[in-house]
């Protein structure tokens, strides 16, 4: 019984963390995509690509956390 409650608590914690991370990642991804759609500086494209790559990796981590 105690183990079941502990696992439920861990699941609740993981869900809360994943939700908060997802809320932070969404504007980052949307902003990077918006910047990328307006190419003024060729170097900004490389920076935006890196931002998007890192944000997508973080989003995948959130999905894995939710699966856990």
C-alpha atoms as a PDB file:
ATOM      1  CA  UNK A   1       0.000   0.000   0.000  1.00  0.00           C
ATOM      2  CA  UNK A   2       2.791   2.412   0.957  1.00  0.00           C
ATOM      3  CA  UNK A   3       4.719   1.596  -2.211  1.00  0.00           C
ATOM      4  CA  UNK A   4       1.643   2.231  -4.337  1.00  0.00           C
ATOM      5  CA  UNK A   5       1.127   5.628  -2.697  1.00  0.00           C
ATOM      6  CA  UNK A   6       4.789   6.483  -3.236  1.00  0.00           C
ATOM      7  CA  UNK A   7       4.585   5.607  -6.938  1.00  0.00           C
ATOM      8  CA  UNK A   8       1.411   7.663  -7.260  1.00  0.00           C
ATOM      9  CA  UNK A   9       3.181  10.631  -5.651  1.00  0.00           C
ATOM     10  CA  UNK A  10       6.143  10.269  -8.003  1.00  0.00           C
ATOM     11  CA  UNK A  11       3.757  10.151 -10.971  1.00  0.00           C
ATOM     12  CA  UNK A  12       1.988  13.287  -9.779  1.00  0.00           C
ATOM     13  CA  UNK A  13       5.309  15.068  -9.314  1.00  0.00           C
ATOM     14  CA  UNK A  14       6.535  13.987 -12.768  1.00  0.00           C
ATOM     15  CA  UNK A  15       3.280  15.172 -14.344  1.00  0.00           C
ATOM     16  CA  UNK A  16       3.543  18.554 -12.634  1.00  0.00           C
ATOM     17  CA  UNK A  17       7.156  19.036 -13.687  1.00  0.00           C
ATOM     18  CA  UNK A  18       6.391  17.989 -17.259  1.00  0.00           C
ATOM     19  CA  UNK A  19       3.430  20.381 -17.416  1.00  0.00           C
ATOM     20  CA  UNK A  20       5.508  23.316 -16.142  1.00  0.00           C
ATOM     21  CA  UNK A  21       8.386  22.549 -18.521  1.00  0.00           C
ATOM     22  CA  UNK A  22       5.988  22.295 -21.421  1.00  0.00           C
ATOM     23  CA  UNK A  23       4.517  25.695 -20.526  1.00  0.00           C
ATOM     24  CA  UNK A  24       8.019  27.199 -20.633  1.00  0.00           C
ATOM     25  CA  UNK A  25       9.048  25.465 -23.861  1.00  0.00           C
ATOM     26  CA  UNK A  26       6.002  26.419 -25.921  1.00  0.00           C
ATOM     27  CA  UNK A  27       6.789  30.165 -26.174  1.00  0.00           C
ATOM     28  CA  UNK A  28      10.459  29.400 -26.859  1.00  0.00           C
ATOM     29  CA  UNK A  29       9.572  27.165 -29.792  1.00  0.00           C
ATOM     30  CA  UNK A  30       6.940  29.572 -31.128  1.00  0.00           C
ATOM     31  CA  UNK A  31       9.300  32.553 -30.846  1.00  0.00           C
ATOM     32  CA  UNK A  32      12.142  30.741 -32.575  1.00  0.00           C
ATOM     33  CA  UNK A  33       9.850  29.656 -35.399  1.00  0.00           C
ATOM     34  CA  UNK A  34       8.576  33.225 -35.767  1.00  0.00           C
ATOM     35  CA  UNK A  35      12.138  34.593 -35.960  1.00  0.00           C
ATOM     36  CA  UNK A  36      13.066  31.909 -38.457  1.00  0.00           C
ATOM     37  CA  UNK A  37      10.149  32.858 -40.703  1.00  0.00           C
ATOM     38  CA  UNK A  38      11.496  36.427 -40.975  1.00  0.00           C
ATOM     39  CA  UNK A  39      15.087  36.007 -42.165  1.00  0.00           C
ATOM     40  CA  UNK A  40      16.855  39.382 -41.863  1.00  0.00           C
ATOM     41  CA  UNK A  41      20.291  38.130 -40.880  1.00  0.00           C
ATOM     42  CA  UNK A  42      21.750  34.900 -42.279  1.00  0.00           C
ATOM     43  CA  UNK A  43      23.492  34.156 -38.967  1.00  0.00           C
ATOM     44  CA  UNK A  44      20.231  34.415 -37.041  1.00  0.00           C
ATOM     45  CA  UNK A  45      19.015  31.332 -38.894  1.00  0.00           C
ATOM     46  CA  UNK A  46      21.806  29.246 -37.386  1.00  0.00           C
ATOM     47  CA  UNK A  47      21.045  30.506 -33.897  1.00  0.00           C
ATOM     48  CA  UNK A  48      17.344  29.838 -34.322  1.00  0.00           C
ATOM     49  CA  UNK A  49      18.067  26.330 -35.571  1.00  0.00           C
ATOM     50  CA  UNK A  50      20.082  25.655 -32.414  1.00  0.00           C
ATOM     51  CA  UNK A  51      17.323  27.090 -30.202  1.00  0.00           C
ATOM     52  CA  UNK A  52      14.735  24.923 -31.914  1.00  0.00           C
ATOM     53  CA  UNK A  53      16.932  21.829 -31.684  1.00  0.00           C
ATOM     54  CA  UNK A  54      17.439  22.275 -27.946  1.00  0.00           C
ATOM     55  CA  UNK A  55      13.779  23.073 -27.333  1.00  0.00           C
ATOM     56  CA  UNK A  56      12.698  19.992 -29.248  1.00  0.00           C
ATOM     57  CA  UNK A  57      15.096  17.842 -27.219  1.00  0.00           C
ATOM     58  CA  UNK A  58      13.606  19.301 -24.049  1.00  0.00           C
ATOM     59  CA  UNK A  59      10.083  18.676 -25.341  1.00  0.00           C
ATOM     60  CA  UNK A  60      11.015  15.055 -26.009  1.00  0.00           C
ATOM     61  CA  UNK A  61      12.306  14.809 -22.446  1.00  0.00           C
ATOM     62  CA  UNK A  62       8.934  16.117 -21.218  1.00  0.00           C
ATOM     63  CA  UNK A  63       7.140  13.471 -23.293  1.00  0.00           C
ATOM     64  CA  UNK A  64       9.371  10.770 -21.792  1.00  0.00           C
ATOM     65  CA  UNK A  65       8.702  12.104 -18.311  1.00  0.00           C
ATOM     66  CA  UNK A  66       4.960  11.993 -18.926  1.00  0.00           C
ATOM     67  CA  UNK A  67       5.263   8.441 -20.226  1.00  0.00           C
ATOM     68  CA  UNK A  68       7.053   7.482 -16.997  1.00  0.00           C
END
